[in-house]
PDB file of N, CA and C in Angstrom:
ATOM      1  N   UNK A   1     -72.794 -50.559  24.568  1.00  0.00           N
ATOM      2  CA  UNK A   1     -73.795 -51.624  24.434  1.00  0.00           C
ATOM      3  C   UNK A   1     -73.976 -52.114  25.748  1.00  0.00           C
ATOM      4  N   UNK A   2     -74.760 -52.099  26.564  1.00  0.00           N
ATOM      5  CA  UNK A   2     -75.228 -52.219  28.147  1.00  0.00           C
ATOM      6  C   UNK A   2     -75.962 -52.597  28.454  1.00  0.00           C
ATOM      7  N   UNK A   3     -75.340 -54.341  29.181  1.00  0.00           N
ATOM      8  CA  UNK A   3     -76.448 -55.499  29.185  1.00  0.00           C
ATOM      9  C   UNK A   3     -75.889 -56.710  30.268  1.00  0.00           C
ATOM     10  N   UNK A   4     -77.347 -57.151  31.123  1.00  0.00           N
ATOM     11  CA  UNK A   4     -75.985 -57.651  31.880  1.00  0.00           C
ATOM     12  C   UNK A   4     -75.700 -59.339  31.479  1.00  0.00           C
ATOM     13  N   UNK A   5     -75.621 -60.183  31.819  1.00  0.00           N
ATOM     14  CA  UNK A   5     -74.341 -60.911  31.256  1.00  0.00           C
ATOM     15  C   UNK A   5     -74.648 -62.240  32.258  1.00  0.00           C
ATOM     16  N   UNK A   6     -75.010 -63.189  31.342  1.00  0.00           N
ATOM     17  CA  UNK A   6     -75.909 -65.069  32.189  1.00  0.00           C
ATOM     18  C   UNK A   6     -74.567 -65.209  32.148  1.00  0.00           C
ATOM     19  N   UNK A   7     -73.890 -65.327  33.881  1.00  0.00           N
ATOM     20  CA  UNK A   7     -72.989 -66.513  34.230  1.00  0.00           C
ATOM     21  C   UNK A   7     -73.090 -67.750  33.910  1.00  0.00           C
ATOM     22  N   UNK A   8     -73.809 -68.152  33.972  1.00  0.00           N
ATOM     23  CA  UNK A   8     -74.055 -69.249  33.754  1.00  0.00           C
ATOM     24  C   UNK A   8     -73.843 -70.241  32.292  1.00  0.00           C
ATOM     25  N   UNK A   9     -73.899 -69.051  31.346  1.00  0.00           N
ATOM     26  CA  UNK A   9     -74.032 -69.138  30.072  1.00  0.00           C
ATOM     27  C   UNK A   9     -72.365 -69.292  29.804  1.00  0.00           C
ATOM     28  N   UNK A  10     -71.488 -68.489  30.603  1.00  0.00           N
ATOM     29  CA  UNK A  10     -70.154 -68.176  30.629  1.00  0.00           C
ATOM     30  C   UNK A  10     -69.645 -69.343  30.430  1.00  0.00           C
ATOM     31  N   UNK A  11     -70.321 -69.609  32.426  1.00  0.00           N
ATOM     32  CA  UNK A  11     -69.226 -70.409  32.618  1.00  0.00           C
ATOM     33  C   UNK A  11     -69.495 -72.096  31.972  1.00  0.00           C
ATOM     34  N   UNK A  12     -70.176 -72.303  30.387  1.00  0.00           N
ATOM     35  CA  UNK A  12     -70.685 -73.139  30.109  1.00  0.00           C
ATOM     36  C   UNK A  12     -69.732 -72.931  28.687  1.00  0.00           C
ATOM     37  N   UNK A  13     -69.576 -72.200  28.487  1.00  0.00           N
ATOM     38  CA  UNK A  13     -68.943 -71.275  27.049  1.00  0.00           C
ATOM     39  C   UNK A  13     -67.454 -71.615  27.457  1.00  0.00           C
ATOM     40  N   UNK A  14     -67.078 -71.441  28.787  1.00  0.00           N
ATOM     41  CA  UNK A  14     -65.711 -71.878  29.142  1.00  0.00           C
ATOM     42  C   UNK A  14     -64.950 -73.481  28.848  1.00  0.00           C
ATOM     43  N   UNK A  15     -66.108 -73.907  29.800  1.00  0.00           N
ATOM     44  CA  UNK A  15     -66.066 -75.790  29.746  1.00  0.00           C
ATOM     45  C   UNK A  15     -66.406 -75.754  28.206  1.00  0.00           C
ATOM     46  N   UNK A  16     -66.789 -75.556  27.045  1.00  0.00           N
ATOM     47  CA  UNK A  16     -67.612 -76.011  25.906  1.00  0.00           C
ATOM     48  C   UNK A  16     -65.887 -75.404  24.774  1.00  0.00           C
ATOM     49  N   UNK A  17     -65.592 -74.432  25.150  1.00  0.00           N
ATOM     50  CA  UNK A  17     -64.152 -74.355  24.290  1.00  0.00           C
ATOM     51  C   UNK A  17     -63.142 -73.999  25.054  1.00  0.00           C
ATOM     52  N   UNK A  18     -62.958 -74.133  25.746  1.00  0.00           N
ATOM     53  CA  UNK A  18     -61.329 -74.759  26.622  1.00  0.00           C
ATOM     54  C   UNK A  18     -61.306 -76.342  27.427  1.00  0.00           C
ATOM     55  N   UNK A  19     -62.834 -77.316  27.709  1.00  0.00           N
ATOM     56  CA  UNK A  19     -62.204 -78.832  28.620  1.00  0.00           C
ATOM     57  C   UNK A  19     -62.130 -78.263  29.948  1.00  0.00           C
ATOM     58  N   UNK A  20     -62.015 -76.632  30.361  1.00  0.00           N
ATOM     59  CA  UNK A  20     -61.330 -76.443  31.806  1.00  0.00           C
ATOM     60  C   UNK A  20     -63.036 -76.438  32.361  1.00  0.00           C
ATOM     61  N   UNK A  21     -62.506 -77.041  33.549  1.00  0.00           N
ATOM     62  CA  UNK A  21     -63.920 -77.160  34.577  1.00  0.00           C
ATOM     63  C   UNK A  21     -64.429 -75.521  35.160  1.00  0.00           C
ATOM     64  N   UNK A  22     -65.451 -75.396  35.351  1.00  0.00           N
ATOM     65  CA  UNK A  22     -65.992 -73.702  35.128  1.00  0.00           C
ATOM     66  C   UNK A  22     -67.392 -73.984  35.971  1.00  0.00           C
ATOM     67  N   UNK A  23     -67.306 -73.060  37.106  1.00  0.00           N
ATOM     68  CA  UNK A  23     -69.216 -73.345  37.523  1.00  0.00           C
ATOM     69  C   UNK A  23     -68.950 -72.222  38.626  1.00  0.00           C
ATOM     70  N   UNK A  24     -70.746 -71.321  38.671  1.00  0.00           N
ATOM     71  CA  UNK A  24     -70.536 -70.265  39.746  1.00  0.00           C
ATOM     72  C   UNK A  24     -71.162 -70.945  41.074  1.00  0.00           C
ATOM     73  N   UNK A  25     -70.051 -70.322  42.074  1.00  0.00           N
ATOM     74  CA  UNK A  25     -70.180 -70.548  43.354  1.00  0.00           C
ATOM     75  C   UNK A  25     -70.562 -69.261  43.659  1.00  0.00           C
ATOM     76  N   UNK A  26     -71.054 -68.986  45.287  1.00  0.00           N
ATOM     77  CA  UNK A  26     -71.884 -68.504  46.139  1.00  0.00           C
ATOM     78  C   UNK A  26     -70.895 -67.765  47.147  1.00  0.00           C
ATOM     79  N   UNK A  27     -70.199 -66.698  46.924  1.00  0.00           N
ATOM     80  CA  UNK A  27     -69.468 -66.445  47.274  1.00  0.00           C
ATOM     81  C   UNK A  27     -68.880 -65.926  48.351  1.00  0.00           C
ATOM     82  N   UNK A  28     -70.285 -65.272  49.175  1.00  0.00           N
ATOM     83  CA  UNK A  28     -70.856 -64.810  50.566  1.00  0.00           C
ATOM     84  C   UNK A  28     -71.507 -63.566  50.081  1.00  0.00           C
ATOM     85  N   UNK A  29     -72.190 -62.857  51.268  1.00  0.00           N
ATOM     86  CA  UNK A  29     -73.060 -61.885  50.668  1.00  0.00           C
ATOM     87  C   UNK A  29     -74.513 -61.678  49.685  1.00  0.00           C
ATOM     88  N   UNK A  30     -74.493 -63.304  48.995  1.00  0.00           N
ATOM     89  CA  UNK A  30     -74.980 -63.471  47.705  1.00  0.00           C
ATOM     90  C   UNK A  30     -74.070 -63.448  46.891  1.00  0.00           C
ATOM     91  N   UNK A  31     -72.994 -63.138  46.809  1.00  0.00           N
ATOM     92  CA  UNK A  31     -72.701 -62.868  45.341  1.00  0.00           C
ATOM     93  C   UNK A  31     -72.511 -63.843  44.494  1.00  0.00           C
ATOM     94  N   UNK A  32     -72.094 -63.674  43.190  1.00  0.00           N
ATOM     95  CA  UNK A  32     -71.899 -65.452  42.109  1.00  0.00           C
ATOM     96  C   UNK A  32     -70.381 -64.392  41.746  1.00  0.00           C
ATOM     97  N   UNK A  33     -69.782 -66.020  42.192  1.00  0.00           N
ATOM     98  CA  UNK A  33     -68.418 -65.682  41.073  1.00  0.00           C
ATOM     99  C   UNK A  33     -68.083 -66.744  40.668  1.00  0.00           C
ATOM    100  N   UNK A  34     -67.786 -67.089  38.424  1.00  0.00           N
ATOM    101  CA  UNK A  34     -67.697 -68.266  38.413  1.00  0.00           C
ATOM    102  C   UNK A  34     -66.172 -69.000  38.454  1.00  0.00           C
ATOM    103  N   UNK A  35     -66.072 -70.016  39.014  1.00  0.00           N
ATOM    104  CA  UNK A  35     -64.518 -70.682  39.344  1.00  0.00           C
ATOM    105  C   UNK A  35     -64.198 -71.191  38.397  1.00  0.00           C
ATOM    106  N   UNK A  36     -63.198 -71.249  37.879  1.00  0.00           N
ATOM    107  CA  UNK A  36     -62.672 -71.725  36.878  1.00  0.00           C
ATOM    108  C   UNK A  36     -60.952 -72.463  37.276  1.00  0.00           C
ATOM    109  N   UNK A  37     -60.908 -74.080  37.066  1.00  0.00           N
ATOM    110  CA  UNK A  37     -59.789 -75.124  37.250  1.00  0.00           C
ATOM    111  C   UNK A  37     -60.100 -75.304  38.210  1.00  0.00           C
ATOM    112  N   UNK A  38     -58.930 -75.898  38.625  1.00  0.00           N
ATOM    113  CA  UNK A  38     -58.649 -76.730  40.197  1.00  0.00           C
ATOM    114  C   UNK A  38     -58.446 -76.440  41.531  1.00  0.00           C
ATOM    115  N   UNK A  39     -59.028 -76.206  41.840  1.00  0.00           N
ATOM    116  CA  UNK A  39     -58.819 -75.177  43.827  1.00  0.00           C
ATOM    117  C   UNK A  39     -57.249 -76.125  43.865  1.00  0.00           C
ATOM    118  N   UNK A  40     -56.937 -74.973  44.547  1.00  0.00           N
ATOM    119  CA  UNK A  40     -55.482 -75.256  45.001  1.00  0.00           C
ATOM    120  C   UNK A  40     -55.801 -75.827  46.542  1.00  0.00           C
ATOM    121  N   UNK A  41     -54.913 -76.087  47.185  1.00  0.00           N
ATOM    122  CA  UNK A  41     -54.609 -76.596  48.946  1.00  0.00           C
ATOM    123  C   UNK A  41     -55.909 -75.614  50.156  1.00  0.00           C
ATOM    124  N   UNK A  42     -55.546 -74.219  49.266  1.00  0.00           N
ATOM    125  CA  UNK A  42     -56.664 -73.330  50.259  1.00  0.00           C
ATOM    126  C   UNK A  42     -57.847 -73.235  49.815  1.00  0.00           C
ATOM    127  N   UNK A  43     -58.303 -73.828  48.489  1.00  0.00           N
ATOM    128  CA  UNK A  43     -59.798 -74.100  47.710  1.00  0.00           C
ATOM    129  C   UNK A  43     -60.329 -72.906  46.961  1.00  0.00           C
ATOM    130  N   UNK A  44     -58.440 -72.136  46.487  1.00  0.00           N
ATOM    131  CA  UNK A  44     -58.872 -70.718  45.612  1.00  0.00           C
ATOM    132  C   UNK A  44     -58.929 -71.490  44.157  1.00  0.00           C
ATOM    133  N   UNK A  45     -59.321 -70.919  43.734  1.00  0.00           N
ATOM    134  CA  UNK A  45     -59.508 -71.411  41.673  1.00  0.00           C
ATOM    135  C   UNK A  45     -58.405 -70.724  41.367  1.00  0.00           C
ATOM    136  N   UNK A  46     -57.552 -71.101  39.924  1.00  0.00           N
ATOM    137  CA  UNK A  46     -56.387 -70.413  39.386  1.00  0.00           C
ATOM    138  C   UNK A  46     -56.739 -69.551  38.865  1.00  0.00           C
ATOM    139  N   UNK A  47     -58.387 -69.333  38.827  1.00  0.00           N
ATOM    140  CA  UNK A  47     -58.822 -67.687  37.855  1.00  0.00           C
ATOM    141  C   UNK A  47     -60.708 -67.969  38.058  1.00  0.00           C
ATOM    142  N   UNK A  48     -60.817 -66.289  38.192  1.00  0.00           N
ATOM    143  CA  UNK A  48     -62.493 -66.342  38.537  1.00  0.00           C
ATOM    144  C   UNK A  48     -62.474 -64.647  38.006  1.00  0.00           C
ATOM    145  N   UNK A  49     -63.733 -65.368  37.665  1.00  0.00           N
ATOM    146  CA  UNK A  49     -65.158 -64.258  36.994  1.00  0.00           C
ATOM    147  C   UNK A  49     -66.333 -64.238  37.466  1.00  0.00           C
ATOM    148  N   UNK A  50     -66.169 -62.687  37.275  1.00  0.00           N
ATOM    149  CA  UNK A  50     -67.488 -61.467  38.306  1.00  0.00           C
ATOM    150  C   UNK A  50     -67.039 -60.655  38.903  1.00  0.00           C
ATOM    151  N   UNK A  51     -67.928 -59.695  39.415  1.00  0.00           N
ATOM    152  CA  UNK A  51     -68.602 -60.280  40.647  1.00  0.00           C
ATOM    153  C   UNK A  51     -70.206 -60.322  40.035  1.00  0.00           C
ATOM    154  N   UNK A  52     -71.255 -60.993  40.373  1.00  0.00           N
ATOM    155  CA  UNK A  52     -72.403 -60.751  40.168  1.00  0.00           C
ATOM    156  C   UNK A  52     -73.527 -61.585  41.290  1.00  0.00           C
ATOM    157  N   UNK A  53     -74.082 -61.472  41.028  1.00  0.00           N
ATOM    158  CA  UNK A  53     -75.825 -61.760  41.956  1.00  0.00           C
ATOM    159  C   UNK A  53     -76.561 -62.852  40.904  1.00  0.00           C
ATOM    160  N   UNK A  54     -77.990 -62.893  41.774  1.00  0.00           N
ATOM    161  CA  UNK A  54     -78.329 -64.406  41.638  1.00  0.00           C
ATOM    162  C   UNK A  54     -79.547 -63.978  41.131  1.00  0.00           C
ATOM    163  N   UNK A  55     -80.257 -63.983  40.924  1.00  0.00           N
ATOM    164  CA  UNK A  55     -82.021 -63.138  40.186  1.00  0.00           C
ATOM    165  C   UNK A  55     -82.386 -64.278  40.590  1.00  0.00           C
ATOM    166  N   UNK A  56     -82.711 -65.201  40.285  1.00  0.00           N
ATOM    167  CA  UNK A  56     -83.206 -66.925  40.993  1.00  0.00           C
ATOM    168  C   UNK A  56     -83.367 -67.211  42.197  1.00  0.00           C
ATOM    169  N   UNK A  57     -83.998 -68.197  42.680  1.00  0.00           N
ATOM    170  CA  UNK A  57     -84.294 -68.584  44.117  1.00  0.00           C
ATOM    171  C   UNK A  57     -83.140 -69.881  44.616  1.00  0.00           C
ATOM    172  N   UNK A  58     -82.587 -69.918  45.915  1.00  0.00           N
ATOM    173  CA  UNK A  58     -81.236 -70.875  46.154  1.00  0.00           C
ATOM    174  C   UNK A  58     -80.478 -70.763  45.042  1.00  0.00           C
ATOM    175  N   UNK A  59     -79.741 -69.681  45.077  1.00  0.00           N
ATOM    176  CA  UNK A  59     -78.459 -69.024  44.404  1.00  0.00           C
ATOM    177  C   UNK A  59     -78.850 -69.499  42.781  1.00  0.00           C
ATOM    178  N   UNK A  60     -79.687 -69.244  42.599  1.00  0.00           N
ATOM    179  CA  UNK A  60     -79.804 -69.557  40.432  1.00  0.00           C
ATOM    180  C   UNK A  60     -79.799 -68.143  40.190  1.00  0.00           C
ATOM    181  N   UNK A  61     -79.956 -68.979  38.695  1.00  0.00           N
ATOM    182  CA  UNK A  61     -79.863 -66.929  37.351  1.00  0.00           C
ATOM    183  C   UNK A  61     -78.577 -66.828  37.692  1.00  0.00           C
ATOM    184  N   UNK A  62     -77.588 -66.715  37.993  1.00  0.00           N
ATOM    185  CA  UNK A  62     -76.496 -66.092  37.976  1.00  0.00           C
ATOM    186  C   UNK A  62     -76.338 -65.074  36.879  1.00  0.00           C
ATOM    187  N   UNK A  63     -75.865 -63.601  37.442  1.00  0.00           N
ATOM    188  CA  UNK A  63     -75.932 -62.197  36.634  1.00  0.00           C
ATOM    189  C   UNK A  63     -74.711 -62.009  36.289  1.00  0.00           C
ATOM    190  N   UNK A  64     -74.773 -60.785  35.947  1.00  0.00           N
ATOM    191  CA  UNK A  64     -73.205 -59.626  35.909  1.00  0.00           C
ATOM    192  C   UNK A  64     -74.025 -58.852  35.220  1.00  0.00           C
ATOM    193  N   UNK A  65     -73.175 -57.900  35.129  1.00  0.00           N
ATOM    194  CA  UNK A  65     -72.902 -56.376  35.161  1.00  0.00           C
ATOM    195  C   UNK A  65     -72.193 -55.833  34.027  1.00  0.00           C
ATOM    196  N   UNK A  66     -72.001 -55.618  32.831  1.00  0.00           N
ATOM    197  CA  UNK A  66     -70.338 -55.274  32.433  1.00  0.00           C
ATOM    198  C   UNK A  66     -70.101 -54.172  32.786  1.00  0.00           C
ATOM    199  N   UNK A  67     -70.905 -53.140  33.664  1.00  0.00           N
ATOM    200  CA  UNK A  67     -69.524 -51.872  34.079  1.00  0.00           C
ATOM    201  C   UNK A  67     -69.293 -52.186  35.668  1.00  0.00           C
ATOM    202  N   UNK A  68     -69.228 -53.743  36.082  1.00  0.00           N
ATOM    203  CA  UNK A  68     -68.607 -54.020  37.028  1.00  0.00           C
ATOM    204  C   UNK A  68     -67.731 -55.614  36.550  1.00  0.00           C
ATOM    205  N   UNK A  69     -67.873 -56.039  35.935  1.00  0.00           N
ATOM    206  CA  UNK A  69     -67.407 -57.593  35.759  1.00  0.00           C
ATOM    207  C   UNK A  69     -65.718 -57.526  35.449  1.00  0.00           C
ATOM    208  N   UNK A  70     -65.137 -58.308  35.864  1.00  0.00           N
ATOM    209  CA  UNK A  70     -63.833 -59.176  35.864  1.00  0.00           C
ATOM    210  C   UNK A  70     -63.511 -59.733  35.748  1.00  0.00           C
ATOM    211  N   UNK A  71     -62.217 -60.213  35.720  1.00  0.00           N
ATOM    212  CA  UNK A  71     -61.477 -62.050  35.101  1.00  0.00           C
ATOM    213  C   UNK A  71     -60.205 -61.628  35.290  1.00  0.00           C
ATOM    214  N   UNK A  72     -59.908 -62.950  36.267  1.00  0.00           N
ATOM    215  CA  UNK A  72     -58.473 -62.649  36.622  1.00  0.00           C
ATOM    216  C   UNK A  72     -57.691 -63.970  37.011  1.00  0.00           C
ATOM    217  N   UNK A  73     -56.345 -64.382  37.522  1.00  0.00           N
ATOM    218  CA  UNK A  73     -55.797 -64.864  38.452  1.00  0.00           C
ATOM    219  C   UNK A  73     -56.338 -65.124  39.724  1.00  0.00           C
ATOM    220  N   UNK A  74     -56.775 -66.063  40.276  1.00  0.00           N
ATOM    221  CA  UNK A  74     -57.367 -66.672  41.627  1.00  0.00           C
ATOM    222  C   UNK A  74     -56.439 -65.381  43.156  1.00  0.00           C
ATOM    223  N   UNK A  75     -55.273 -65.360  42.906  1.00  0.00           N
ATOM    224  CA  UNK A  75     -55.085 -64.406  44.081  1.00  0.00           C
ATOM    225  C   UNK A  75     -54.719 -63.498  43.054  1.00  0.00           C
ATOM    226  N   UNK A  76     -56.179 -62.496  42.452  1.00  0.00           N
ATOM    227  CA  UNK A  76     -56.313 -61.283  42.239  1.00  0.00           C
ATOM    228  C   UNK A  76     -54.742 -60.418  41.913  1.00  0.00           C
ATOM    229  N   UNK A  77     -53.784 -61.042  41.582  1.00  0.00           N
ATOM    230  CA  UNK A  77     -52.317 -60.585  40.714  1.00  0.00           C
ATOM    231  C   UNK A  77     -52.816 -59.590  38.862  1.00  0.00           C
ATOM    232  N   UNK A  78     -53.404 -60.378  38.787  1.00  0.00           N
ATOM    233  CA  UNK A  78     -53.969 -60.209  37.127  1.00  0.00           C
ATOM    234  C   UNK A  78     -55.236 -59.855  36.919  1.00  0.00           C
ATOM    235  N   UNK A  79     -55.972 -58.427  36.659  1.00  0.00           N
ATOM    236  CA  UNK A  79     -57.144 -59.000  36.090  1.00  0.00           C
ATOM    237  C   UNK A  79     -56.900 -58.174  34.961  1.00  0.00           C
ATOM    238  N   UNK A  80     -58.462 -57.553  34.198  1.00  0.00           N
ATOM    239  CA  UNK A  80     -58.799 -57.148  33.267  1.00  0.00           C
ATOM    240  C   UNK A  80     -60.630 -56.925  33.394  1.00  0.00           C
ATOM    241  N   UNK A  81     -61.249 -55.385  33.150  1.00  0.00           N
ATOM    242  CA  UNK A  81     -62.549 -55.483  32.864  1.00  0.00           C
ATOM    243  C   UNK A  81     -63.229 -55.470  31.798  1.00  0.00           C
ATOM    244  N   UNK A  82     -64.597 -55.452  31.891  1.00  0.00           N
ATOM    245  CA  UNK A  82     -65.268 -55.414  30.359  1.00  0.00           C
ATOM    246  C   UNK A  82     -65.461 -54.174  30.308  1.00  0.00           C
ATOM    247  N   UNK A  83     -66.273 -53.436  29.247  1.00  0.00           N
ATOM    248  CA  UNK A  83     -66.329 -52.097  29.414  1.00  0.00           C
ATOM    249  C   UNK A  83     -67.744 -52.335  28.348  1.00  0.00           C
ATOM    250  N   UNK A  84     -68.252 -51.169  28.677  1.00  0.00           N
ATOM    251  CA  UNK A  84     -69.570 -50.948  28.057  1.00  0.00           C
ATOM    252  C   UNK A  84     -69.944 -51.345  26.592  1.00  0.00           C
ATOM    253  N   UNK A  85     -68.668 -51.220  25.995  1.00  0.00           N
ATOM    254  CA  UNK A  85     -68.865 -51.732  24.082  1.00  0.00           C
ATOM    255  C   UNK A  85     -69.386 -53.472  24.285  1.00  0.00           C
ATOM    256  N   UNK A  86     -68.477 -54.183  25.704  1.00  0.00           N
ATOM    257  CA  UNK A  86     -68.786 -55.507  25.300  1.00  0.00           C
ATOM    258  C   UNK A  86     -70.003 -56.134  24.937  1.00  0.00           C
ATOM    259  N   UNK A  87     -69.880 -57.447  24.767  1.00  0.00           N
ATOM    260  CA  UNK A  87     -71.405 -58.068  24.216  1.00  0.00           C
ATOM    261  C   UNK A  87     -71.035 -59.320  25.135  1.00  0.00           C
ATOM    262  N   UNK A  88     -71.701 -60.207  25.169  1.00  0.00           N
ATOM    263  CA  UNK A  88     -71.280 -61.128  26.367  1.00  0.00           C
ATOM    264  C   UNK A  88     -70.490 -62.558  25.841  1.00  0.00           C
ATOM    265  N   UNK A  89     -70.496 -62.610  23.980  1.00  0.00           N
ATOM    266  CA  UNK A  89     -70.210 -63.174  23.811  1.00  0.00           C
ATOM    267  C   UNK A  89     -68.155 -62.264  23.163  1.00  0.00           C
ATOM    268  N   UNK A  90     -67.956 -61.462  23.757  1.00  0.00           N
ATOM    269  CA  UNK A  90     -66.668 -60.894  23.651  1.00  0.00           C
ATOM    270  C   UNK A  90     -65.701 -60.991  25.322  1.00  0.00           C
ATOM    271  N   UNK A  91     -66.746 -60.664  26.140  1.00  0.00           N
ATOM    272  CA  UNK A  91     -66.201 -61.409  27.281  1.00  0.00           C
ATOM    273  C   UNK A  91     -65.610 -62.724  27.286  1.00  0.00           C
ATOM    274  N   UNK A  92     -66.454 -63.294  27.189  1.00  0.00           N
ATOM    275  CA  UNK A  92     -66.399 -65.243  26.988  1.00  0.00           C
ATOM    276  C   UNK A  92     -64.341 -64.872  25.719  1.00  0.00           C
ATOM    277  N   UNK A  93     -64.584 -64.507  24.817  1.00  0.00           N
ATOM    278  CA  UNK A  93     -63.416 -63.968  24.028  1.00  0.00           C
ATOM    279  C   UNK A  93     -62.102 -64.048  24.852  1.00  0.00           C
ATOM    280  N   UNK A  94     -62.587 -62.853  25.340  1.00  0.00           N
ATOM    281  CA  UNK A  94     -61.439 -61.948  26.605  1.00  0.00           C
ATOM    282  C   UNK A  94     -61.203 -62.605  27.825  1.00  0.00           C
ATOM    283  N   UNK A  95     -61.842 -63.732  28.345  1.00  0.00           N
ATOM    284  CA  UNK A  95     -61.773 -64.710  29.368  1.00  0.00           C
ATOM    285  C   UNK A  95     -60.795 -65.426  28.263  1.00  0.00           C
ATOM    286  N   UNK A  96     -61.310 -65.615  27.819  1.00  0.00           N
ATOM    287  CA  UNK A  96     -60.276 -67.254  27.290  1.00  0.00           C
ATOM    288  C   UNK A  96     -59.286 -67.121  26.712  1.00  0.00           C
ATOM    289  N   UNK A  97     -58.600 -65.788  26.257  1.00  0.00           N
ATOM    290  CA  UNK A  97     -57.880 -65.074  26.031  1.00  0.00           C
ATOM    291  C   UNK A  97     -56.918 -65.072  27.056  1.00  0.00           C
ATOM    292  N   UNK A  98     -57.120 -64.899  28.349  1.00  0.00           N
ATOM    293  CA  UNK A  98     -56.943 -64.637  29.348  1.00  0.00           C
ATOM    294  C   UNK A  98     -56.462 -65.926  30.319  1.00  0.00           C
ATOM    295  N   UNK A  99     -57.383 -66.741  29.796  1.00  0.00           N
ATOM    296  CA  UNK A  99     -56.950 -68.105  30.452  1.00  0.00           C
ATOM    297  C   UNK A  99     -55.772 -68.890  29.605  1.00  0.00           C
ATOM    298  N   UNK A 100     -55.998 -68.575  28.129  1.00  0.00           N
ATOM    299  CA  UNK A 100     -54.988 -69.255  27.624  1.00  0.00           C
ATOM    300  C   UNK A 100     -53.027 -68.411  27.745  1.00  0.00           C
ATOM    301  N   UNK A 101     -53.170 -67.336  27.677  1.00  0.00           N
ATOM    302  CA  UNK A 101     -51.808 -66.399  28.514  1.00  0.00           C
ATOM    303  C   UNK A 101     -51.324 -66.992  29.924  1.00  0.00           C
ATOM    304  N   UNK A 102     -52.459 -67.708  30.777  1.00  0.00           N
ATOM    305  CA  UNK A 102     -52.128 -67.814  32.132  1.00  0.00           C
ATOM    306  C   UNK A 102     -51.838 -69.708  32.084  1.00  0.00           C
ATOM    307  N   UNK A 103     -52.290 -69.958  31.107  1.00  0.00           N
ATOM    308  CA  UNK A 103     -52.474 -71.536  31.045  1.00  0.00           C
ATOM    309  C   UNK A 103     -53.061 -72.252  32.309  1.00  0.00           C
ATOM    310  N   UNK A 104     -53.831 -71.417  32.675  1.00  0.00           N
ATOM    311  CA  UNK A 104     -55.345 -72.120  33.525  1.00  0.00           C
ATOM    312  C   UNK A 104     -55.834 -73.638  33.057  1.00  0.00           C
ATOM    313  N   UNK A 105     -55.549 -74.480  33.891  1.00  0.00           N
ATOM    314  CA  UNK A 105     -56.329 -75.705  33.919  1.00  0.00           C
ATOM    315  C   UNK A 105     -56.603 -76.508  34.343  1.00  0.00           C
TER     316      UNK A 105
END
């Protein structure tokens, strides 16, 4: 099943299910990335989700697509990618699973 992912919904699910801060950030060139956790001294979050784009005006309605969506630590050392079989719910479950393994706070 191929579908776009609502990144605002994903960020909200991360907050609701884990209590960890999550928000969509415009990261250059019109790209959308979900920043998760507390930023370090160099403004890098411990966990990121994306990439995506904005469908709405003024950097709103962030969307991603399962064929290029991934998540992992903010340094890029650990990453996992979605598959065409993923749904928004399975993507959230996989994100939260990795966050738990990496002890993201």
